[in-house]
Amino acid sequence: MASFLPDPLFETSGRGPPTNKNFYQLSVTKSHVIWRWWKISPRAADRSSKPGELKESHQDFLDDAALQSEVILVFGQRILPYVKALCEGHYGYLEQLSDTLLLRIISHLELEDVGQLGRTSRRFRQLCGSEEFWEQSVRQCCNTVSGEVASLALMVGWRNIFFTSKIQLQKMLSRRRLKAEEEQAAQVSDPDKKAEESPYESSRSKQTEY
């Protein structure tokens, strides 16, 4: 299974904390942890300095408390446990999958399980609450989704469509049709009113304009 994972397994980059303007990059491959840094300084003497790189095996990184402290200093407390887990062989396969593939997997879960999954991480919370997921759910539970329903979903959201009963949905569609007919009738009636205006009223309005 691990052979299907991308290489590097994880990669992130960014500047150091406020007092440190240097640029850092952390990469975790299937065999090594690579720590790179670029010194950024207004001093002329530092402009010619070359980027630095430290490459360690997974086990060496797990034993390197100093490098782990640097990772925390630059990228925060949450990154280190994840990097250490990768070095220990705990790959977190789901986190490596694309959003499209994860949505296809989530679509096979019961609704209650989807709610539980959404509480496990920020990424799953976003996926389980996304319009893509709820549109997918609506299309799965319905034989067909009419253009009217799809158009209504753009206004109220696919999640609301999913939890709306068929009777309520028909009412919403009927109100939407009626509103569209009224707007269309109003547009048609405006030119008719101008055509019915008497020559006297027309000439009077022109005099008023002058």
N, C-alpha and C. Protein backbone atom coordinates (compact mmCIF):
# COMPACT_ATOMS: atom_id res chain seq x y z
N MET A 1 0.82 -1.20 0.00
CA MET A 1 0.00 0.00 0.00
C MET A 1 0.86 1.26 0.00
N ALA A 2 1.97 1.22 0.76
CA ALA A 2 2.82 2.40 0.86
C ALA A 2 3.44 2.77 -0.49
N SER A 3 3.57 1.78 -1.39
CA SER A 3 4.17 2.06 -2.69
C SER A 3 3.32 2.97 -3.54
N PHE A 4 2.02 3.08 -3.22
CA PHE A 4 1.11 3.94 -3.98
C PHE A 4 1.15 5.39 -3.50
N LEU A 5 1.82 5.65 -2.39
CA LEU A 5 1.86 7.00 -1.85
C LEU A 5 2.81 7.88 -2.66
N PRO A 6 2.52 9.18 -2.73
CA PRO A 6 3.41 10.09 -3.48
C PRO A 6 4.72 10.30 -2.72
N ASP A 7 5.72 10.78 -3.43
CA ASP A 7 7.00 11.11 -2.80
C ASP A 7 7.39 12.51 -3.25
N PRO A 8 7.53 13.51 -2.39
CA PRO A 8 7.54 13.38 -0.93
C PRO A 8 6.17 13.10 -0.33
N LEU A 9 6.20 12.50 0.86
CA LEU A 9 4.96 12.23 1.59
C LEU A 9 4.33 13.51 2.11
N PHE A 10 5.19 14.45 2.45
CA PHE A 10 4.73 15.72 3.03
C PHE A 10 5.75 16.80 2.73
N GLU A 11 5.24 18.01 2.47
CA GLU A 11 6.14 19.13 2.19
C GLU A 11 5.46 20.43 2.59
N THR A 12 6.20 21.29 3.25
CA THR A 12 5.67 22.60 3.63
C THR A 12 6.82 23.60 3.64
N SER A 13 6.50 24.87 3.54
CA SER A 13 7.53 25.90 3.54
C SER A 13 6.96 27.19 4.11
N GLY A 14 7.83 28.09 4.51
CA GLY A 14 7.38 29.36 5.06
C GLY A 14 8.52 30.11 5.74
N ARG A 15 8.20 31.32 6.17
CA ARG A 15 9.19 32.14 6.87
C ARG A 15 9.25 31.76 8.35
N GLY A 16 10.33 32.16 8.94
CA GLY A 16 10.50 31.92 10.37
C GLY A 16 9.62 32.86 11.18
N PRO A 17 9.67 32.78 12.52
CA PRO A 17 8.88 33.67 13.39
C PRO A 17 9.29 35.12 13.18
N PRO A 18 8.53 36.09 13.71
CA PRO A 18 8.74 37.52 13.44
C PRO A 18 10.18 38.02 13.53
N THR A 19 10.95 37.54 14.48
CA THR A 19 12.33 38.02 14.62
C THR A 19 13.28 37.33 13.64
N ASN A 20 12.77 36.35 12.90
CA ASN A 20 13.58 35.57 11.98
C ASN A 20 12.94 35.60 10.59
N LYS A 21 13.55 36.31 9.65
CA LYS A 21 12.97 36.48 8.32
C LYS A 21 13.45 35.42 7.33
N ASN A 22 14.20 34.44 7.79
CA ASN A 22 14.70 33.40 6.91
C ASN A 22 13.56 32.55 6.36
N PHE A 23 13.80 31.93 5.21
CA PHE A 23 12.80 31.08 4.57
C PHE A 23 13.19 29.62 4.79
N TYR A 24 12.19 28.77 5.12
CA TYR A 24 12.46 27.37 5.45
C TYR A 24 11.57 26.44 4.62
N GLN A 25 12.10 25.25 4.39
CA GLN A 25 11.32 24.21 3.71
C GLN A 25 11.56 22.88 4.41
N LEU A 26 10.46 22.17 4.66
CA LEU A 26 10.53 20.85 5.29
C LEU A 26 9.91 19.83 4.36
N SER A 27 10.67 18.79 4.01
CA SER A 27 10.17 17.72 3.15
C SER A 27 10.37 16.39 3.84
N VAL A 28 9.36 15.53 3.75
CA VAL A 28 9.47 14.17 4.28
C VAL A 28 9.27 13.22 3.10
N THR A 29 10.34 12.53 2.72
CA THR A 29 10.25 11.54 1.65
C THR A 29 10.04 10.16 2.28
N LYS A 30 10.03 9.13 1.47
CA LYS A 30 9.82 7.78 2.00
C LYS A 30 11.01 7.26 2.79
N SER A 31 12.14 7.96 2.69
CA SER A 31 13.33 7.49 3.40
C SER A 31 14.04 8.57 4.21
N HIS A 32 13.75 9.86 3.95
CA HIS A 32 14.51 10.91 4.61
C HIS A 32 13.61 12.09 5.03
N VAL A 33 14.14 12.88 5.92
CA VAL A 33 13.59 14.20 6.27
C VAL A 33 14.61 15.22 5.79
N ILE A 34 14.15 16.19 4.99
CA ILE A 34 15.05 17.19 4.42
C ILE A 34 14.65 18.57 4.94
N TRP A 35 15.59 19.24 5.56
CA TRP A 35 15.38 20.58 6.14
C TRP A 35 16.25 21.58 5.39
N ARG A 36 15.61 22.53 4.72
CA ARG A 36 16.35 23.53 3.94
C ARG A 36 16.06 24.92 4.49
N TRP A 37 17.05 25.81 4.34
CA TRP A 37 16.84 27.19 4.78
C TRP A 37 17.58 28.16 3.86
N TRP A 38 16.98 29.33 3.69
CA TRP A 38 17.56 30.41 2.90
C TRP A 38 17.65 31.63 3.80
N LYS A 39 18.85 32.15 3.98
CA LYS A 39 19.03 33.30 4.86
C LYS A 39 18.62 34.58 4.14
N ILE A 40 17.70 35.32 4.74
CA ILE A 40 17.21 36.58 4.16
C ILE A 40 17.61 37.71 5.10
N SER A 41 18.46 38.60 4.58
CA SER A 41 18.99 39.68 5.43
C SER A 41 19.31 40.89 4.55
N PRO A 42 19.09 42.12 5.06
CA PRO A 42 19.46 43.32 4.30
C PRO A 42 20.96 43.57 4.25
N ARG A 43 21.71 42.85 5.06
CA ARG A 43 23.16 43.05 5.11
C ARG A 43 23.81 42.54 3.83
N ALA A 44 24.68 43.34 3.25
CA ALA A 44 25.36 42.97 2.00
C ALA A 44 26.18 41.69 2.16
N ALA A 45 26.74 41.49 3.35
CA ALA A 45 27.59 40.33 3.58
C ALA A 45 26.80 39.03 3.52
N ASP A 46 25.49 39.10 3.82
CA ASP A 46 24.67 37.89 3.86
C ASP A 46 24.03 37.57 2.51
N ARG A 47 24.09 38.51 1.57
CA ARG A 47 23.39 38.30 0.30
C ARG A 47 24.02 37.21 -0.55
N SER A 48 25.29 36.98 -0.35
CA SER A 48 25.98 35.95 -1.13
C SER A 48 25.96 34.58 -0.46
N SER A 49 25.33 34.48 0.71
CA SER A 49 25.30 33.20 1.43
C SER A 49 24.42 32.19 0.69
N LYS A 50 24.87 30.95 0.64
CA LYS A 50 24.14 29.91 -0.08
C LYS A 50 23.09 29.26 0.82
N PRO A 51 22.03 28.69 0.20
CA PRO A 51 21.02 27.98 1.00
C PRO A 51 21.65 26.80 1.73
N GLY A 52 21.10 26.48 2.89
CA GLY A 52 21.59 25.35 3.65
C GLY A 52 20.63 24.17 3.55
N GLU A 53 21.17 22.97 3.76
CA GLU A 53 20.33 21.77 3.70
C GLU A 53 20.83 20.73 4.70
N LEU A 54 19.89 20.13 5.40
CA LEU A 54 20.20 19.04 6.31
C LEU A 54 19.30 17.86 5.94
N LYS A 55 19.92 16.73 5.65
CA LYS A 55 19.17 15.54 5.22
C LYS A 55 19.43 14.41 6.20
N GLU A 56 18.37 13.91 6.81
CA GLU A 56 18.50 12.85 7.81
C GLU A 56 17.55 11.70 7.49
N SER A 57 17.96 10.50 7.93
CA SER A 57 17.05 9.36 7.82
C SER A 57 15.90 9.56 8.79
N HIS A 58 14.84 8.80 8.62
CA HIS A 58 13.69 8.93 9.53
C HIS A 58 14.11 8.71 10.98
N GLN A 59 14.92 7.69 11.22
CA GLN A 59 15.32 7.39 12.59
C GLN A 59 16.20 8.49 13.17
N ASP A 60 17.10 9.04 12.34
CA ASP A 60 17.96 10.13 12.82
C ASP A 60 17.12 11.35 13.19
N PHE A 61 16.08 11.63 12.41
CA PHE A 61 15.22 12.77 12.73
C PHE A 61 14.50 12.54 14.05
N LEU A 62 14.02 11.31 14.26
CA LEU A 62 13.33 11.00 15.52
C LEU A 62 14.24 11.16 16.73
N ASP A 63 15.55 11.02 16.52
CA ASP A 63 16.51 11.17 17.61
C ASP A 63 17.08 12.59 17.70
N ASP A 64 16.74 13.46 16.75
CA ASP A 64 17.33 14.80 16.68
C ASP A 64 16.39 15.82 17.35
N ALA A 65 16.59 16.01 18.63
CA ALA A 65 15.73 16.93 19.40
C ALA A 65 15.91 18.37 18.94
N ALA A 66 17.13 18.74 18.54
CA ALA A 66 17.40 20.12 18.12
C ALA A 66 16.63 20.46 16.85
N LEU A 67 16.64 19.57 15.87
CA LEU A 67 15.91 19.82 14.62
C LEU A 67 14.40 19.82 14.85
N GLN A 68 13.95 18.95 15.73
CA GLN A 68 12.52 18.94 16.06
C GLN A 68 12.09 20.27 16.68
N SER A 69 12.96 20.84 17.50
CA SER A 69 12.66 22.14 18.11
C SER A 69 12.57 23.22 17.04
N GLU A 70 13.44 23.15 16.04
CA GLU A 70 13.39 24.14 14.95
C GLU A 70 12.09 24.01 14.16
N VAL A 71 11.67 22.78 13.92
CA VAL A 71 10.41 22.55 13.20
C VAL A 71 9.25 23.19 13.96
N ILE A 72 9.22 23.01 15.26
CA ILE A 72 8.17 23.61 16.09
C ILE A 72 8.25 25.14 16.04
N LEU A 73 9.46 25.67 16.11
CA LEU A 73 9.66 27.11 16.12
C LEU A 73 9.16 27.76 14.83
N VAL A 74 9.40 27.11 13.70
CA VAL A 74 9.03 27.69 12.40
C VAL A 74 7.60 27.37 12.02
N PHE A 75 7.17 26.11 12.20
CA PHE A 75 5.87 25.68 11.67
C PHE A 75 4.81 25.40 12.74
N GLY A 76 5.17 25.51 14.02
CA GLY A 76 4.17 25.34 15.06
C GLY A 76 4.11 23.92 15.61
N GLN A 77 3.36 23.79 16.69
CA GLN A 77 3.29 22.52 17.43
C GLN A 77 2.61 21.40 16.66
N ARG A 78 1.68 21.73 15.76
CA ARG A 78 0.86 20.69 15.13
C ARG A 78 1.60 19.91 14.06
N ILE A 79 2.62 20.50 13.45
CA ILE A 79 3.32 19.84 12.35
C ILE A 79 4.21 18.69 12.84
N LEU A 80 4.89 18.91 13.95
CA LEU A 80 5.86 17.91 14.42
C LEU A 80 5.25 16.53 14.64
N PRO A 81 4.13 16.38 15.36
CA PRO A 81 3.56 15.04 15.55
C PRO A 81 3.24 14.33 14.24
N TYR A 82 2.79 15.09 13.25
CA TYR A 82 2.47 14.49 11.95
C TYR A 82 3.73 14.00 11.26
N VAL A 83 4.80 14.82 11.30
CA VAL A 83 6.07 14.43 10.68
C VAL A 83 6.65 13.20 11.38
N LYS A 84 6.58 13.18 12.70
CA LYS A 84 7.09 12.03 13.45
C LYS A 84 6.30 10.77 13.13
N ALA A 85 4.99 10.92 12.96
CA ALA A 85 4.15 9.76 12.61
C ALA A 85 4.55 9.20 11.25
N LEU A 86 4.85 10.08 10.29
CA LEU A 86 5.30 9.62 8.98
C LEU A 86 6.63 8.87 9.09
N CYS A 87 7.52 9.41 9.91
CA CYS A 87 8.82 8.76 10.09
C CYS A 87 8.68 7.39 10.76
N GLU A 88 7.64 7.20 11.54
CA GLU A 88 7.40 5.92 12.21
C GLU A 88 6.59 4.95 11.36
N GLY A 89 6.24 5.39 10.14
CA GLY A 89 5.51 4.50 9.24
C GLY A 89 4.00 4.61 9.32
N HIS A 90 3.49 5.59 10.08
CA HIS A 90 2.05 5.80 10.17
C HIS A 90 1.67 6.84 9.11
N TYR A 91 1.31 6.36 7.94
CA TYR A 91 1.21 7.26 6.80
C TYR A 91 -0.07 8.05 6.70
N GLY A 92 -1.16 7.62 7.30
CA GLY A 92 -2.41 8.36 7.18
C GLY A 92 -2.86 8.39 5.72
N TYR A 93 -3.21 7.22 5.20
CA TYR A 93 -3.51 7.09 3.77
C TYR A 93 -4.62 8.02 3.30
N LEU A 94 -5.64 8.19 4.12
CA LEU A 94 -6.77 9.02 3.71
C LEU A 94 -6.34 10.46 3.45
N GLU A 95 -5.43 10.96 4.26
CA GLU A 95 -4.97 12.34 4.10
C GLU A 95 -4.22 12.54 2.79
N GLN A 96 -3.71 11.45 2.20
CA GLN A 96 -2.95 11.56 0.96
C GLN A 96 -3.85 11.54 -0.28
N LEU A 97 -5.12 11.17 -0.11
CA LEU A 97 -6.03 11.05 -1.25
C LEU A 97 -6.56 12.42 -1.67
N SER A 98 -6.94 12.54 -2.92
CA SER A 98 -7.49 13.80 -3.44
C SER A 98 -8.90 14.02 -2.90
N ASP A 99 -9.36 15.26 -2.95
CA ASP A 99 -10.72 15.58 -2.49
C ASP A 99 -11.77 14.84 -3.31
N THR A 100 -11.55 14.74 -4.61
CA THR A 100 -12.51 14.05 -5.49
C THR A 100 -12.69 12.60 -5.09
N LEU A 101 -11.58 11.92 -4.82
CA LEU A 101 -11.65 10.51 -4.43
C LEU A 101 -12.25 10.34 -3.04
N LEU A 102 -11.90 11.25 -2.12
CA LEU A 102 -12.47 11.18 -0.78
C LEU A 102 -13.98 11.38 -0.80
N LEU A 103 -14.46 12.30 -1.64
CA LEU A 103 -15.90 12.53 -1.75
C LEU A 103 -16.62 11.29 -2.26
N ARG A 104 -16.00 10.57 -3.16
CA ARG A 104 -16.61 9.33 -3.67
C ARG A 104 -16.69 8.28 -2.57
N ILE A 105 -15.66 8.24 -1.72
CA ILE A 105 -15.67 7.28 -0.60
C ILE A 105 -16.72 7.68 0.42
N ILE A 106 -16.77 8.97 0.77
CA ILE A 106 -17.72 9.45 1.77
C ILE A 106 -19.16 9.22 1.33
N SER A 107 -19.40 9.26 0.02
CA SER A 107 -20.77 9.11 -0.49
C SER A 107 -21.37 7.74 -0.17
N HIS A 108 -20.53 6.77 0.18
CA HIS A 108 -21.03 5.42 0.50
C HIS A 108 -21.34 5.26 1.99
N LEU A 109 -21.08 6.29 2.78
CA LEU A 109 -21.34 6.22 4.23
C LEU A 109 -22.78 6.58 4.55
N GLU A 110 -23.25 6.07 5.68
CA GLU A 110 -24.55 6.49 6.19
C GLU A 110 -24.45 7.94 6.67
N LEU A 111 -25.57 8.65 6.67
CA LEU A 111 -25.57 10.06 7.02
C LEU A 111 -25.02 10.30 8.42
N GLU A 112 -25.34 9.43 9.35
CA GLU A 112 -24.85 9.56 10.73
C GLU A 112 -23.32 9.42 10.76
N ASP A 113 -22.78 8.52 9.95
CA ASP A 113 -21.33 8.32 9.90
C ASP A 113 -20.64 9.53 9.26
N VAL A 114 -21.31 10.17 8.31
CA VAL A 114 -20.76 11.37 7.69
C VAL A 114 -20.59 12.47 8.74
N GLY A 115 -21.60 12.60 9.61
CA GLY A 115 -21.52 13.60 10.68
C GLY A 115 -20.35 13.32 11.63
N GLN A 116 -20.14 12.04 11.94
CA GLN A 116 -19.01 11.67 12.81
C GLN A 116 -17.68 11.93 12.13
N LEU A 117 -17.60 11.61 10.84
CA LEU A 117 -16.35 11.82 10.09
C LEU A 117 -16.01 13.30 10.03
N GLY A 118 -17.02 14.15 9.89
CA GLY A 118 -16.79 15.58 9.81
C GLY A 118 -16.18 16.17 11.08
N ARG A 119 -16.22 15.43 12.18
CA ARG A 119 -15.65 15.92 13.44
C ARG A 119 -14.21 15.48 13.64
N THR A 120 -13.68 14.66 12.72
CA THR A 120 -12.33 14.12 12.94
C THR A 120 -11.21 15.07 12.55
N SER A 121 -11.45 15.93 11.57
CA SER A 121 -10.39 16.86 11.14
C SER A 121 -11.01 18.03 10.40
N ARG A 122 -10.22 19.07 10.25
CA ARG A 122 -10.69 20.26 9.54
C ARG A 122 -11.01 19.94 8.08
N ARG A 123 -10.15 19.12 7.46
CA ARG A 123 -10.35 18.78 6.05
C ARG A 123 -11.65 18.01 5.85
N PHE A 124 -11.92 17.02 6.70
CA PHE A 124 -13.14 16.24 6.56
C PHE A 124 -14.38 17.07 6.90
N ARG A 125 -14.23 18.02 7.80
CA ARG A 125 -15.36 18.92 8.10
C ARG A 125 -15.72 19.74 6.87
N GLN A 126 -14.71 20.22 6.16
CA GLN A 126 -14.96 21.00 4.95
C GLN A 126 -15.57 20.13 3.85
N LEU A 127 -15.06 18.91 3.69
CA LEU A 127 -15.58 18.02 2.65
C LEU A 127 -17.02 17.60 2.93
N CYS A 128 -17.29 17.24 4.19
CA CYS A 128 -18.64 16.76 4.55
C CYS A 128 -19.67 17.88 4.51
N GLY A 129 -19.24 19.11 4.57
CA GLY A 129 -20.17 20.23 4.50
C GLY A 129 -20.17 20.94 3.16
N SER A 130 -19.42 20.41 2.21
CA SER A 130 -19.26 21.09 0.92
C SER A 130 -20.49 20.93 0.03
N GLU A 131 -20.67 21.88 -0.87
CA GLU A 131 -21.76 21.79 -1.85
C GLU A 131 -21.58 20.58 -2.76
N GLU A 132 -20.32 20.22 -3.07
CA GLU A 132 -20.06 19.06 -3.92
C GLU A 132 -20.60 17.79 -3.28
N PHE A 133 -20.38 17.63 -1.95
CA PHE A 133 -20.86 16.42 -1.27
C PHE A 133 -22.38 16.35 -1.27
N TRP A 134 -23.04 17.48 -0.94
CA TRP A 134 -24.50 17.45 -0.84
C TRP A 134 -25.16 17.33 -2.21
N GLU A 135 -24.56 17.92 -3.23
CA GLU A 135 -25.10 17.72 -4.58
C GLU A 135 -24.99 16.25 -4.97
N GLN A 136 -23.85 15.65 -4.65
CA GLN A 136 -23.64 14.24 -4.93
C GLN A 136 -24.67 13.39 -4.20
N SER A 137 -24.99 13.75 -2.95
CA SER A 137 -25.95 13.00 -2.15
C SER A 137 -27.36 13.11 -2.74
N VAL A 138 -27.73 14.32 -3.17
CA VAL A 138 -29.06 14.51 -3.77
C VAL A 138 -29.19 13.69 -5.04
N ARG A 139 -28.19 13.72 -5.87
CA ARG A 139 -28.25 13.00 -7.16
C ARG A 139 -28.25 11.50 -6.96
N GLN A 140 -27.65 11.03 -5.85
CA GLN A 140 -27.65 9.59 -5.58
C GLN A 140 -29.01 9.09 -5.10
N CYS A 141 -29.70 9.91 -4.31
CA CYS A 141 -30.98 9.46 -3.75
C CYS A 141 -32.16 9.73 -4.69
N CYS A 142 -31.94 10.49 -5.75
CA CYS A 142 -33.00 10.78 -6.72
C CYS A 142 -32.64 10.16 -8.07
N ASN A 143 -33.65 9.65 -8.75
CA ASN A 143 -33.41 9.08 -10.08
C ASN A 143 -32.93 10.15 -11.05
N THR A 144 -33.60 11.28 -11.01
CA THR A 144 -33.22 12.41 -11.86
C THR A 144 -33.34 13.71 -11.06
N VAL A 145 -32.55 14.68 -11.42
CA VAL A 145 -32.62 16.02 -10.81
C VAL A 145 -32.91 17.00 -11.94
N SER A 146 -34.08 17.61 -11.88
CA SER A 146 -34.49 18.51 -12.96
C SER A 146 -33.66 19.79 -12.94
N GLY A 147 -33.71 20.50 -14.07
CA GLY A 147 -33.01 21.77 -14.15
C GLY A 147 -33.55 22.78 -13.15
N GLU A 148 -34.87 22.70 -12.87
CA GLU A 148 -35.48 23.60 -11.89
C GLU A 148 -34.90 23.39 -10.51
N VAL A 149 -34.75 22.13 -10.13
CA VAL A 149 -34.19 21.81 -8.81
C VAL A 149 -32.73 22.25 -8.73
N ALA A 150 -31.97 22.00 -9.78
CA ALA A 150 -30.57 22.41 -9.79
C ALA A 150 -30.45 23.93 -9.70
N SER A 151 -31.36 24.65 -10.38
CA SER A 151 -31.35 26.10 -10.33
C SER A 151 -31.72 26.60 -8.93
N LEU A 152 -32.68 25.94 -8.30
CA LEU A 152 -33.07 26.30 -6.93
C LEU A 152 -31.94 26.04 -5.95
N ALA A 153 -31.18 24.97 -6.19
CA ALA A 153 -30.06 24.62 -5.30
C ALA A 153 -28.99 25.70 -5.31
N LEU A 154 -28.84 26.39 -6.42
CA LEU A 154 -27.86 27.49 -6.48
C LEU A 154 -28.25 28.62 -5.54
N MET A 155 -29.56 28.74 -5.26
CA MET A 155 -30.03 29.80 -4.37
C MET A 155 -30.04 29.38 -2.91
N VAL A 156 -30.53 28.16 -2.64
CA VAL A 156 -30.72 27.74 -1.25
C VAL A 156 -29.67 26.75 -0.77
N GLY A 157 -28.87 26.20 -1.68
CA GLY A 157 -27.84 25.23 -1.30
C GLY A 157 -28.33 23.79 -1.43
N TRP A 158 -27.43 22.90 -1.83
CA TRP A 158 -27.80 21.49 -2.02
C TRP A 158 -28.15 20.81 -0.71
N ARG A 159 -27.56 21.24 0.39
CA ARG A 159 -27.87 20.62 1.68
C ARG A 159 -29.34 20.85 2.03
N ASN A 160 -29.83 22.07 1.79
CA ASN A 160 -31.24 22.35 2.06
C ASN A 160 -32.15 21.53 1.15
N ILE A 161 -31.72 21.33 -0.10
CA ILE A 161 -32.50 20.50 -1.02
C ILE A 161 -32.59 19.07 -0.49
N PHE A 162 -31.47 18.56 0.03
CA PHE A 162 -31.42 17.18 0.53
C PHE A 162 -32.40 16.97 1.68
N PHE A 163 -32.47 17.94 2.59
CA PHE A 163 -33.30 17.77 3.78
C PHE A 163 -34.73 18.31 3.62
N THR A 164 -35.06 18.80 2.43
CA THR A 164 -36.41 19.30 2.18
C THR A 164 -37.28 18.17 1.66
N SER A 165 -38.49 18.02 2.24
CA SER A 165 -39.40 16.97 1.78
C SER A 165 -39.88 17.27 0.37
N LYS A 166 -40.39 16.25 -0.30
CA LYS A 166 -40.86 16.42 -1.68
C LYS A 166 -41.99 17.44 -1.76
N ILE A 167 -42.88 17.42 -0.76
CA ILE A 167 -44.01 18.36 -0.76
C ILE A 167 -43.50 19.79 -0.62
N GLN A 168 -42.60 20.02 0.34
CA GLN A 168 -42.05 21.35 0.55
C GLN A 168 -41.26 21.81 -0.67
N LEU A 169 -40.55 20.86 -1.31
CA LEU A 169 -39.78 21.20 -2.49
C LEU A 169 -40.70 21.64 -3.63
N GLN A 170 -41.82 20.95 -3.79
CA GLN A 170 -42.78 21.34 -4.83
C GLN A 170 -43.36 22.72 -4.56
N LYS A 171 -43.60 23.02 -3.29
CA LYS A 171 -44.10 24.35 -2.93
C LYS A 171 -43.07 25.43 -3.26
N MET A 172 -41.82 25.16 -2.95
CA MET A 172 -40.76 26.13 -3.24
C MET A 172 -40.63 26.37 -4.74
N LEU A 173 -40.74 25.29 -5.52
CA LEU A 173 -40.65 25.41 -6.97
C LEU A 173 -41.85 26.18 -7.53
N SER A 174 -43.05 25.91 -6.96
CA SER A 174 -44.26 26.61 -7.43
C SER A 174 -44.16 28.10 -7.15
N ARG A 175 -43.68 28.47 -5.95
CA ARG A 175 -43.52 29.89 -5.62
C ARG A 175 -42.50 30.54 -6.54
N ARG A 176 -41.46 29.80 -6.87
CA ARG A 176 -40.43 30.35 -7.75
C ARG A 176 -40.97 30.56 -9.17
N ARG A 177 -41.78 29.60 -9.65
CA ARG A 177 -42.40 29.74 -10.97
C ARG A 177 -43.33 30.94 -11.01
N LEU A 178 -44.16 31.09 -9.94
CA LEU A 178 -45.12 32.18 -9.88
C LEU A 178 -44.40 33.53 -9.87
N LYS A 179 -43.32 33.62 -9.12
CA LYS A 179 -42.57 34.86 -9.07
C LYS A 179 -41.98 35.20 -10.44
N ALA A 180 -41.45 34.17 -11.14
CA ALA A 180 -40.88 34.38 -12.47
C ALA A 180 -41.95 34.84 -13.45
N GLU A 181 -43.17 34.26 -13.35
CA GLU A 181 -44.27 34.65 -14.24
C GLU A 181 -44.71 36.09 -13.98
N GLU A 182 -44.74 36.47 -12.70
CA GLU A 182 -45.13 37.84 -12.34
C GLU A 182 -44.10 38.84 -12.87
N GLU A 183 -42.83 38.51 -12.75
CA GLU A 183 -41.78 39.40 -13.25
C GLU A 183 -41.84 39.53 -14.77
N GLN A 184 -42.14 38.40 -15.44
CA GLN A 184 -42.24 38.43 -16.89
C GLN A 184 -43.45 39.25 -17.33
N ALA A 185 -44.57 39.10 -16.59
CA ALA A 185 -45.77 39.87 -16.92
C ALA A 185 -45.55 41.36 -16.72
N ALA A 186 -44.81 41.72 -15.69
CA ALA A 186 -44.52 43.13 -15.41
C ALA A 186 -43.66 43.73 -16.52
N GLN A 187 -42.71 42.95 -17.02
CA GLN A 187 -41.86 43.44 -18.11
C GLN A 187 -42.67 43.65 -19.39
N VAL A 188 -43.65 42.77 -19.65
CA VAL A 188 -44.47 42.88 -20.85
C VAL A 188 -45.44 44.05 -20.75
N SER A 189 -45.96 44.29 -19.54
CA SER A 189 -46.97 45.33 -19.35
C SER A 189 -46.39 46.74 -19.46
N ASP A 190 -45.13 46.95 -19.16
CA ASP A 190 -44.51 48.28 -19.22
C ASP A 190 -44.54 48.87 -20.63
N PRO A 191 -44.11 48.14 -21.66
CA PRO A 191 -44.21 48.70 -23.02
C PRO A 191 -45.66 48.95 -23.45
N ASP A 192 -46.60 48.07 -23.01
CA ASP A 192 -48.01 48.23 -23.35
C ASP A 192 -48.57 49.51 -22.78
N LYS A 193 -48.18 49.84 -21.55
CA LYS A 193 -48.67 51.07 -20.91
C LYS A 193 -48.20 52.30 -21.67
N LYS A 194 -46.96 52.28 -22.14
CA LYS A 194 -46.43 53.42 -22.88
C LYS A 194 -47.15 53.57 -24.21
N ALA A 195 -47.51 52.41 -24.83
CA ALA A 195 -48.20 52.48 -26.12
C ALA A 195 -49.61 53.02 -25.97
N GLU A 196 -50.24 52.74 -24.80
CA GLU A 196 -51.61 53.18 -24.56
C GLU A 196 -51.68 54.63 -24.11
N GLU A 197 -50.57 55.26 -23.85
CA GLU A 197 -50.55 56.64 -23.36
C GLU A 197 -51.12 57.57 -24.45
N SER A 198 -52.03 58.49 -24.10
CA SER A 198 -52.69 59.38 -25.06
C SER A 198 -51.70 60.39 -25.62
N PRO A 199 -51.97 60.89 -26.87
CA PRO A 199 -51.09 61.92 -27.47
C PRO A 199 -50.99 63.15 -26.59
N TYR A 200 -52.12 63.51 -25.91
CA TYR A 200 -52.12 64.68 -25.03
C TYR A 200 -51.15 64.50 -23.88
N GLU A 201 -51.20 63.26 -23.23
CA GLU A 201 -50.32 62.99 -22.09
C GLU A 201 -48.87 62.95 -22.54
N SER A 202 -48.67 62.41 -23.77
CA SER A 202 -47.30 62.32 -24.29
C SER A 202 -46.71 63.70 -24.52
N SER A 203 -47.55 64.60 -25.18
CA SER A 203 -47.04 65.94 -25.44
C SER A 203 -46.85 66.74 -24.15
N ARG A 204 -47.75 66.48 -23.18
CA ARG A 204 -47.64 67.17 -21.90
C ARG A 204 -46.36 66.77 -21.16
N SER A 205 -46.02 65.47 -21.25
CA SER A 205 -44.81 65.01 -20.57
C SER A 205 -43.58 65.60 -21.22
N LYS A 206 -43.63 65.77 -22.54
CA LYS A 206 -42.50 66.37 -23.23
C LYS A 206 -42.32 67.82 -22.82
N GLN A 207 -43.48 68.56 -22.66
CA GLN A 207 -43.40 69.96 -22.23
C GLN A 207 -42.80 70.03 -20.84
N THR A 208 -43.20 69.07 -20.01
CA THR A 208 -42.68 69.06 -18.62
C THR A 208 -41.17 68.85 -18.64
N GLU A 209 -40.71 67.97 -19.55
CA GLU A 209 -39.28 67.71 -19.62
C GLU A 209 -38.51 68.97 -19.99
N TYR A 210 -39.08 69.77 -20.88
CA TYR A 210 -38.42 71.02 -21.27
C TYR A 210 -38.42 72.00 -20.09
